[in-house]
Each structure stands twice: as structure tokens, then as C-alpha cells.
């Protein structure tokens, strides 16, 4: 959503909460899985893999659509933008490792492999917390000054189309809305196509509630 001639970047803060929350929760959930409980491990491994894929997509949109424009236009902020790029790269190393470890652990539920995966998620979460805080405090105001409403809208459109599976798209919408205030929920939903809003009201809320109960139990 945007007001006047400047983009309103607050929706990015709402999205960030979902990533921050899930990466912080997952290591403890992984640690609590019993040795050999492959059914439980498979559930968490899939959830983690979906989360990593969504974060990769989120960052790729920034790499493609935001950083090049800021490097061209916000010349006094070059060091800041380069730091954002470096944080993406550092986080990408940890996410790639998670992508290798999660499916293996999901099949074996090995205690040793689970501990390795949980430690890697904690490392990723630490980088992510720093990155999101700096992005929200320092980069979003720069974006508001140097990107057009149309350019910012393209970033949002890329994000909305990142998950092809319709069920998983609704689940990620639920993750975004979970910690949103009523006003933030209304604003975020208002930007979605009417059919998506209808699906969320009819089946999305209940599906997300059931999904989170399944993920967070134990």
C-alpha cells in the first residue's frame, strides 16, 4: 500500500515478523523430536524447507528489484546497501546448509543430525535478526525516498507470486497475519485479489490454525 507519491513500506515489517518468529521457534521444536520419530521429523523438515524457500524468494526479489536501484540513486547509502547484500550472502550460506540437512533429518530423525540442523537454524536466525532489524530501521526509509510507488509495487507482486502451491500460499498468508494488528491485517488483505481474500475467510484461517497446532505441538 502507498500513500501520495511515496511507497508505504510497512507491509515489509509485517512480512518480516513471520520469518523472524518461525526461525526462532524451529530449533527448539527440532531438539524435542525423539530419536527415530520420522513422522514428526518429516513434518518439521517440510515446514523448514518451505520457510527457507520463501525467504530465498523474498531476498531474491530484493537483490533483483531494490539493491540495484538504491545503488544507482541513493549514492550516499552505498555502504549500507552493500552491507545488506553481504548479509544476504552470509545468510544464504546457512540457508543452503539447511536445505541440505533438513530432508536427511526428515527421513532419519537422527539425534545427531537433528542437533546439527537445529544449530544451523540458530545460526541463520541470528544473522536474520540482525539483517531484518537493520533493513527495517535503515533501509526502508531509504526505499521510501528513492523508489517509486510502481517500483515498490513490483516488489510486492513478486512476493505474492513466489509460492505456487495454493494451499501453502494460504498458510504463508496466515503466518504473515498471525502477529499483525487488526489494522495491519485489513491493510494487508486489502492489497490481495478478492478471490484470495475470500479463500482466506472461508478456509484459510481454519487451515492455518490446524497447521500451526500440528507444527508447534510437543
C-alpha atoms as a PDB file:
ATOM      1  CA  UNK A   1       0.000   0.000   0.000  1.00  0.00           C
ATOM      2  CA  UNK A   2       1.258   3.521  -0.761  1.00  0.00           C
ATOM      3  CA  UNK A   3       0.156   6.994   0.070  1.00  0.00           C
ATOM      4  CA  UNK A   4       0.817  10.021  -2.119  1.00  0.00           C
ATOM      5  CA  UNK A   5       3.919   9.737  -4.251  1.00  0.00           C
ATOM      6  CA  UNK A   6       5.989   7.638  -1.841  1.00  0.00           C
ATOM      7  CA  UNK A   7       5.685   3.905  -1.232  1.00  0.00           C
ATOM      8  CA  UNK A   8       4.393   2.736   2.117  1.00  0.00           C
ATOM      9  CA  UNK A   9       6.901   0.096   3.181  1.00  0.00           C
ATOM     10  CA  UNK A  10       5.231  -1.074   6.398  1.00  0.00           C
ATOM     11  CA  UNK A  11       3.975  -4.281   4.801  1.00  0.00           C
ATOM     12  CA  UNK A  12       7.602  -5.439   4.713  1.00  0.00           C
ATOM     13  CA  UNK A  13       7.739  -5.177   8.517  1.00  0.00           C
ATOM     14  CA  UNK A  14       4.624  -7.343   8.771  1.00  0.00           C
ATOM     15  CA  UNK A  15       6.177  -9.989   6.489  1.00  0.00           C
ATOM     16  CA  UNK A  16       9.444  -9.940   8.420  1.00  0.00           C
ATOM     17  CA  UNK A  17       7.681 -10.909  11.645  1.00  0.00           C
ATOM     18  CA  UNK A  18       6.737 -14.271  10.163  1.00  0.00           C
ATOM     19  CA  UNK A  19      10.299 -15.111   9.159  1.00  0.00           C
ATOM     20  CA  UNK A  20      11.740 -13.921  12.463  1.00  0.00           C
ATOM     21  CA  UNK A  21       9.202 -15.856  14.537  1.00  0.00           C
ATOM     22  CA  UNK A  22       9.457 -19.152  12.684  1.00  0.00           C
ATOM     23  CA  UNK A  23      13.257 -19.231  12.585  1.00  0.00           C
ATOM     24  CA  UNK A  24      13.342 -18.542  16.321  1.00  0.00           C
ATOM     25  CA  UNK A  25      10.825 -21.305  17.128  1.00  0.00           C
ATOM     26  CA  UNK A  26      12.169 -24.108  14.966  1.00  0.00           C
ATOM     27  CA  UNK A  27      15.434 -25.036  16.728  1.00  0.00           C
ATOM     28  CA  UNK A  28      13.639 -25.903  19.966  1.00  0.00           C
ATOM     29  CA  UNK A  29      10.992 -27.868  18.076  1.00  0.00           C
ATOM     30  CA  UNK A  30      13.711 -29.827  16.281  1.00  0.00           C
ATOM     31  CA  UNK A  31      15.544 -30.506  19.545  1.00  0.00           C
ATOM     32  CA  UNK A  32      12.403 -32.016  21.081  1.00  0.00           C
ATOM     33  CA  UNK A  33      11.902 -34.645  18.345  1.00  0.00           C
ATOM     34  CA  UNK A  34      12.576 -38.128  19.679  1.00  0.00           C
ATOM     35  CA  UNK A  35      15.270 -40.261  18.082  1.00  0.00           C
ATOM     36  CA  UNK A  36      13.724 -42.190  15.200  1.00  0.00           C
ATOM     37  CA  UNK A  37      10.398 -40.300  15.153  1.00  0.00           C
ATOM     38  CA  UNK A  38      10.477 -39.871  11.395  1.00  0.00           C
ATOM     39  CA  UNK A  39       6.825 -38.879  11.170  1.00  0.00           C
ATOM     40  CA  UNK A  40       7.384 -35.818  13.358  1.00  0.00           C
ATOM     41  CA  UNK A  41      10.766 -35.037  11.797  1.00  0.00           C
ATOM     42  CA  UNK A  42       9.259 -35.123   8.301  1.00  0.00           C
ATOM     43  CA  UNK A  43       6.577 -32.594   9.287  1.00  0.00           C
ATOM     44  CA  UNK A  44       9.123 -30.122  10.666  1.00  0.00           C
ATOM     45  CA  UNK A  45      11.586 -30.707   7.829  1.00  0.00           C
ATOM     46  CA  UNK A  46       8.937 -29.844   5.241  1.00  0.00           C
ATOM     47  CA  UNK A  47       7.899 -26.751   7.187  1.00  0.00           C
ATOM     48  CA  UNK A  48      11.507 -25.634   7.428  1.00  0.00           C
ATOM     49  CA  UNK A  49      12.167 -26.280   3.741  1.00  0.00           C
ATOM     50  CA  UNK A  50       9.096 -24.240   2.781  1.00  0.00           C
ATOM     51  CA  UNK A  51      10.218 -21.419   5.063  1.00  0.00           C
ATOM     52  CA  UNK A  52      13.721 -21.398   3.572  1.00  0.00           C
ATOM     53  CA  UNK A  53      12.309 -21.372   0.030  1.00  0.00           C
ATOM     54  CA  UNK A  54      10.070 -18.414   0.900  1.00  0.00           C
ATOM     55  CA  UNK A  55      12.968 -16.495   2.432  1.00  0.00           C
ATOM     56  CA  UNK A  56      15.182 -17.201  -0.579  1.00  0.00           C
ATOM     57  CA  UNK A  57      12.434 -15.836  -2.824  1.00  0.00           C
ATOM     58  CA  UNK A  58      11.968 -12.787  -0.600  1.00  0.00           C
ATOM     59  CA  UNK A  59      15.663 -11.969  -0.716  1.00  0.00           C
ATOM     60  CA  UNK A  60      15.957 -12.646  -4.434  1.00  0.00           C
ATOM     61  CA  UNK A  61      13.275 -10.018  -5.056  1.00  0.00           C
ATOM     62  CA  UNK A  62      15.325  -7.516  -3.043  1.00  0.00           C
ATOM     63  CA  UNK A  63      18.511  -8.485  -4.877  1.00  0.00           C
ATOM     64  CA  UNK A  64      16.849  -8.042  -8.263  1.00  0.00           C
ATOM     65  CA  UNK A  65      14.494  -5.122  -7.699  1.00  0.00           C
ATOM     66  CA  UNK A  66      15.743  -2.998  -4.794  1.00  0.00           C
ATOM     67  CA  UNK A  67      19.510  -3.023  -4.335  1.00  0.00           C
ATOM     68  CA  UNK A  68      20.385  -2.087  -7.951  1.00  0.00           C
ATOM     69  CA  UNK A  69      18.048   0.916  -7.831  1.00  0.00           C
ATOM     70  CA  UNK A  70      19.366   2.094  -4.465  1.00  0.00           C
ATOM     71  CA  UNK A  71      22.975   1.752  -5.596  1.00  0.00           C
ATOM     72  CA  UNK A  72      22.121   3.928  -8.587  1.00  0.00           C
ATOM     73  CA  UNK A  73      20.034   6.549  -6.777  1.00  0.00           C
ATOM     74  CA  UNK A  74      20.923   6.570  -3.057  1.00  0.00           C
ATOM     75  CA  UNK A  75      24.618   7.175  -3.594  1.00  0.00           C
ATOM     76  CA  UNK A  76      25.207   8.331  -0.020  1.00  0.00           C
ATOM     77  CA  UNK A  77      23.932   4.956   1.220  1.00  0.00           C
ATOM     78  CA  UNK A  78      26.188   2.710  -0.855  1.00  0.00           C
ATOM     79  CA  UNK A  79      27.915   1.201   2.195  1.00  0.00           C
ATOM     80  CA  UNK A  80      24.555   0.402   3.772  1.00  0.00           C
ATOM     81  CA  UNK A  81      23.263  -1.305   0.636  1.00  0.00           C
ATOM     82  CA  UNK A  82      26.483  -3.290   0.272  1.00  0.00           C
ATOM     83  CA  UNK A  83      26.079  -4.420   3.882  1.00  0.00           C
ATOM     84  CA  UNK A  84      22.578  -5.654   3.080  1.00  0.00           C
ATOM     85  CA  UNK A  85      23.987  -7.615   0.141  1.00  0.00           C
ATOM     86  CA  UNK A  86      26.721  -9.102   2.323  1.00  0.00           C
ATOM     87  CA  UNK A  87      24.158 -10.154   4.929  1.00  0.00           C
ATOM     88  CA  UNK A  88      22.104 -11.843   2.220  1.00  0.00           C
ATOM     89  CA  UNK A  89      25.187 -13.744   1.118  1.00  0.00           C
ATOM     90  CA  UNK A  90      26.076 -14.822   4.668  1.00  0.00           C
ATOM     91  CA  UNK A  91      22.520 -15.903   5.348  1.00  0.00           C
ATOM     92  CA  UNK A  92      22.406 -17.709   2.010  1.00  0.00           C
ATOM     93  CA  UNK A  93      25.272 -19.960   3.119  1.00  0.00           C
ATOM     94  CA  UNK A  94      23.310 -21.030   6.197  1.00  0.00           C
ATOM     95  CA  UNK A  95      20.074 -21.464   4.245  1.00  0.00           C
ATOM     96  CA  UNK A  96      21.826 -23.660   1.681  1.00  0.00           C
ATOM     97  CA  UNK A  97      23.140 -25.811   4.516  1.00  0.00           C
ATOM     98  CA  UNK A  98      19.637 -26.070   5.989  1.00  0.00           C
ATOM     99  CA  UNK A  99      18.325 -27.161   2.595  1.00  0.00           C
ATOM    100  CA  UNK A 100      20.866 -29.999   2.572  1.00  0.00           C
ATOM    101  CA  UNK A 101      20.356 -31.079   6.178  1.00  0.00           C
ATOM    102  CA  UNK A 102      16.572 -30.845   6.586  1.00  0.00           C
ATOM    103  CA  UNK A 103      15.487 -33.580   4.136  1.00  0.00           C
ATOM    104  CA  UNK A 104      18.072 -36.023   5.501  1.00  0.00           C
ATOM    105  CA  UNK A 105      16.983 -35.447   9.093  1.00  0.00           C
ATOM    106  CA  UNK A 106      13.349 -35.660   7.994  1.00  0.00           C
ATOM    107  CA  UNK A 107      13.992 -39.217   6.790  1.00  0.00           C
ATOM    108  CA  UNK A 108      16.147 -40.418   9.704  1.00  0.00           C
ATOM    109  CA  UNK A 109      15.124 -38.376  12.781  1.00  0.00           C
ATOM    110  CA  UNK A 110      18.696 -38.922  13.944  1.00  0.00           C
ATOM    111  CA  UNK A 111      19.522 -37.123  17.192  1.00  0.00           C
ATOM    112  CA  UNK A 112      22.963 -36.149  15.880  1.00  0.00           C
ATOM    113  CA  UNK A 113      21.625 -34.864  12.566  1.00  0.00           C
ATOM    114  CA  UNK A 114      18.831 -33.047  14.365  1.00  0.00           C
ATOM    115  CA  UNK A 115      21.306 -31.268  16.646  1.00  0.00           C
ATOM    116  CA  UNK A 116      23.337 -30.211  13.608  1.00  0.00           C
ATOM    117  CA  UNK A 117      20.224 -28.904  11.865  1.00  0.00           C
ATOM    118  CA  UNK A 118      18.981 -27.042  14.950  1.00  0.00           C
ATOM    119  CA  UNK A 119      22.386 -25.385  15.402  1.00  0.00           C
ATOM    120  CA  UNK A 120      22.393 -24.287  11.756  1.00  0.00           C
ATOM    121  CA  UNK A 121      18.887 -22.822  12.084  1.00  0.00           C
ATOM    122  CA  UNK A 122      20.022 -20.917  15.185  1.00  0.00           C
ATOM    123  CA  UNK A 123      22.993 -19.519  13.239  1.00  0.00           C
ATOM    124  CA  UNK A 124      20.685 -18.483  10.410  1.00  0.00           C
ATOM    125  CA  UNK A 125      18.245 -16.928  12.868  1.00  0.00           C
ATOM    126  CA  UNK A 126      20.993 -14.800  14.437  1.00  0.00           C
ATOM    127  CA  UNK A 127      22.016 -13.400  11.043  1.00  0.00           C
ATOM    128  CA  UNK A 128      18.382 -12.917  10.093  1.00  0.00           C
ATOM    129  CA  UNK A 129      17.553 -10.960  13.269  1.00  0.00           C
ATOM    130  CA  UNK A 130      20.406  -8.519  12.637  1.00  0.00           C
ATOM    131  CA  UNK A 131      19.585  -8.192   8.960  1.00  0.00           C
ATOM    132  CA  UNK A 132      15.856  -7.588   9.420  1.00  0.00           C
ATOM    133  CA  UNK A 133      16.440  -5.036  12.175  1.00  0.00           C
ATOM    134  CA  UNK A 134      18.843  -3.029  10.018  1.00  0.00           C
ATOM    135  CA  UNK A 135      16.608  -3.340   6.988  1.00  0.00           C
ATOM    136  CA  UNK A 136      13.588  -2.054   8.891  1.00  0.00           C
ATOM    137  CA  UNK A 137      15.430   0.751  10.696  1.00  0.00           C
ATOM    138  CA  UNK A 138      17.726   1.936   7.930  1.00  0.00           C
ATOM    139  CA  UNK A 139      16.789   0.586   4.501  1.00  0.00           C
ATOM    140  CA  UNK A 140      13.016   1.027   4.457  1.00  0.00           C
ATOM    141  CA  UNK A 141      13.268   4.817   4.885  1.00  0.00           C
ATOM    142  CA  UNK A 142      15.763   4.912   2.005  1.00  0.00           C
ATOM    143  CA  UNK A 143      13.408   2.852  -0.141  1.00  0.00           C
ATOM    144  CA  UNK A 144      10.572   5.268   0.615  1.00  0.00           C
ATOM    145  CA  UNK A 145      12.721   8.146  -0.633  1.00  0.00           C
ATOM    146  CA  UNK A 146      14.233   6.577  -3.730  1.00  0.00           C
ATOM    147  CA  UNK A 147      11.786   4.039  -5.177  1.00  0.00           C
ATOM    148  CA  UNK A 148       8.557   4.927  -6.916  1.00  0.00           C
ATOM    149  CA  UNK A 149       5.180   3.562  -5.901  1.00  0.00           C
ATOM    150  CA  UNK A 150       5.180   1.433  -9.058  1.00  0.00           C
ATOM    151  CA  UNK A 151       8.648   0.015  -8.370  1.00  0.00           C
ATOM    152  CA  UNK A 152       7.706  -0.878  -4.819  1.00  0.00           C
ATOM    153  CA  UNK A 153       4.503  -2.463  -6.089  1.00  0.00           C
ATOM    154  CA  UNK A 154       6.571  -4.715  -8.334  1.00  0.00           C
ATOM    155  CA  UNK A 155       8.425  -5.982  -5.266  1.00  0.00           C
ATOM    156  CA  UNK A 156       5.126  -6.828  -3.594  1.00  0.00           C
ATOM    157  CA  UNK A 157       3.825  -8.533  -6.715  1.00  0.00           C
ATOM    158  CA  UNK A 158       6.962 -10.666  -6.934  1.00  0.00           C
ATOM    159  CA  UNK A 159       6.485 -11.706  -3.329  1.00  0.00           C
ATOM    160  CA  UNK A 160       2.819 -12.569  -3.783  1.00  0.00           C
ATOM    161  CA  UNK A 161       3.621 -14.860  -6.712  1.00  0.00           C
ATOM    162  CA  UNK A 162       6.520 -16.634  -5.035  1.00  0.00           C
ATOM    163  CA  UNK A 163       4.624 -19.674  -3.742  1.00  0.00           C
ATOM    164  CA  UNK A 164       2.937 -21.688  -6.464  1.00  0.00           C
ATOM    165  CA  UNK A 165       1.095 -24.201  -4.260  1.00  0.00           C
ATOM    166  CA  UNK A 166      -2.236 -22.542  -3.395  1.00  0.00           C
ATOM    167  CA  UNK A 167      -2.555 -24.301  -0.032  1.00  0.00           C
ATOM    168  CA  UNK A 168       0.937 -23.277   1.013  1.00  0.00           C
ATOM    169  CA  UNK A 169       0.276 -19.744  -0.206  1.00  0.00           C
ATOM    170  CA  UNK A 170      -2.673 -19.513   2.188  1.00  0.00           C
ATOM    171  CA  UNK A 171      -0.579 -20.949   5.002  1.00  0.00           C
ATOM    172  CA  UNK A 172       2.137 -18.358   4.461  1.00  0.00           C
ATOM    173  CA  UNK A 173      -0.516 -15.652   4.408  1.00  0.00           C
ATOM    174  CA  UNK A 174      -1.613 -16.949   7.804  1.00  0.00           C
ATOM    175  CA  UNK A 175       1.968 -16.784   9.043  1.00  0.00           C
ATOM    176  CA  UNK A 176       2.190 -13.158   7.927  1.00  0.00           C
ATOM    177  CA  UNK A 177      -1.106 -12.202   9.560  1.00  0.00           C
ATOM    178  CA  UNK A 178      -0.529 -14.085  12.825  1.00  0.00           C
ATOM    179  CA  UNK A 179       1.149 -11.208  14.672  1.00  0.00           C
ATOM    180  CA  UNK A 180      -0.420  -8.396  12.672  1.00  0.00           C
ATOM    181  CA  UNK A 181      -2.688  -5.904  14.384  1.00  0.00           C
ATOM    182  CA  UNK A 182      -6.307  -5.690  13.152  1.00  0.00           C
ATOM    183  CA  UNK A 183      -5.413  -2.570  11.153  1.00  0.00           C
ATOM    184  CA  UNK A 184      -2.369  -4.277   9.642  1.00  0.00           C
ATOM    185  CA  UNK A 185      -4.456  -7.315   8.738  1.00  0.00           C
ATOM    186  CA  UNK A 186      -7.076  -5.179   6.999  1.00  0.00           C
ATOM    187  CA  UNK A 187      -4.407  -3.232   5.127  1.00  0.00           C
ATOM    188  CA  UNK A 188      -2.513  -6.329   4.037  1.00  0.00           C
ATOM    189  CA  UNK A 189      -5.628  -8.197   2.933  1.00  0.00           C
ATOM    190  CA  UNK A 190      -6.911  -5.155   1.034  1.00  0.00           C
ATOM    191  CA  UNK A 191      -3.945  -5.456  -1.330  1.00  0.00           C
ATOM    192  CA  UNK A 192      -4.826  -9.035  -2.276  1.00  0.00           C
ATOM    193  CA  UNK A 193      -7.178 -10.072  -5.093  1.00  0.00           C
ATOM    194  CA  UNK A 194     -10.784 -10.626  -3.964  1.00  0.00           C
ATOM    195  CA  UNK A 195     -10.662 -14.407  -4.652  1.00  0.00           C
ATOM    196  CA  UNK A 196      -7.661 -14.742  -2.324  1.00  0.00           C
ATOM    197  CA  UNK A 197      -9.389 -12.737   0.405  1.00  0.00           C
ATOM    198  CA  UNK A 198     -12.425 -14.971   0.003  1.00  0.00           C
ATOM    199  CA  UNK A 199     -10.367 -18.142   0.273  1.00  0.00           C
ATOM    200  CA  UNK A 200      -8.677 -16.817   3.390  1.00  0.00           C
ATOM    201  CA  UNK A 201     -12.007 -16.142   5.081  1.00  0.00           C
ATOM    202  CA  UNK A 202     -13.606 -19.426   4.031  1.00  0.00           C
ATOM    203  CA  UNK A 203     -10.779 -21.928   4.522  1.00  0.00           C
ATOM    204  CA  UNK A 204      -7.521 -20.084   5.158  1.00  0.00           C
ATOM    205  CA  UNK A 205      -7.955 -19.169   8.823  1.00  0.00           C
ATOM    206  CA  UNK A 206      -9.005 -22.660   9.862  1.00  0.00           C
ATOM    207  CA  UNK A 207      -6.309 -24.319   7.742  1.00  0.00           C
ATOM    208  CA  UNK A 208      -3.623 -22.138   9.281  1.00  0.00           C
ATOM    209  CA  UNK A 209      -4.884 -22.775  12.803  1.00  0.00           C
ATOM    210  CA  UNK A 210      -4.771 -26.538  12.250  1.00  0.00           C
ATOM    211  CA  UNK A 211      -1.374 -26.320  10.597  1.00  0.00           C
ATOM    212  CA  UNK A 212       0.235 -24.379  13.434  1.00  0.00           C
ATOM    213  CA  UNK A 213      -1.189 -26.806  16.007  1.00  0.00           C
ATOM    214  CA  UNK A 214       0.471 -29.620  14.077  1.00  0.00           C
ATOM    215  CA  UNK A 215       3.807 -27.819  13.736  1.00  0.00           C
ATOM    216  CA  UNK A 216       4.094 -26.490  17.281  1.00  0.00           C
ATOM    217  CA  UNK A 217       2.939 -29.455  19.317  1.00  0.00           C
ATOM    218  CA  UNK A 218       5.335 -31.387  21.519  1.00  0.00           C
END
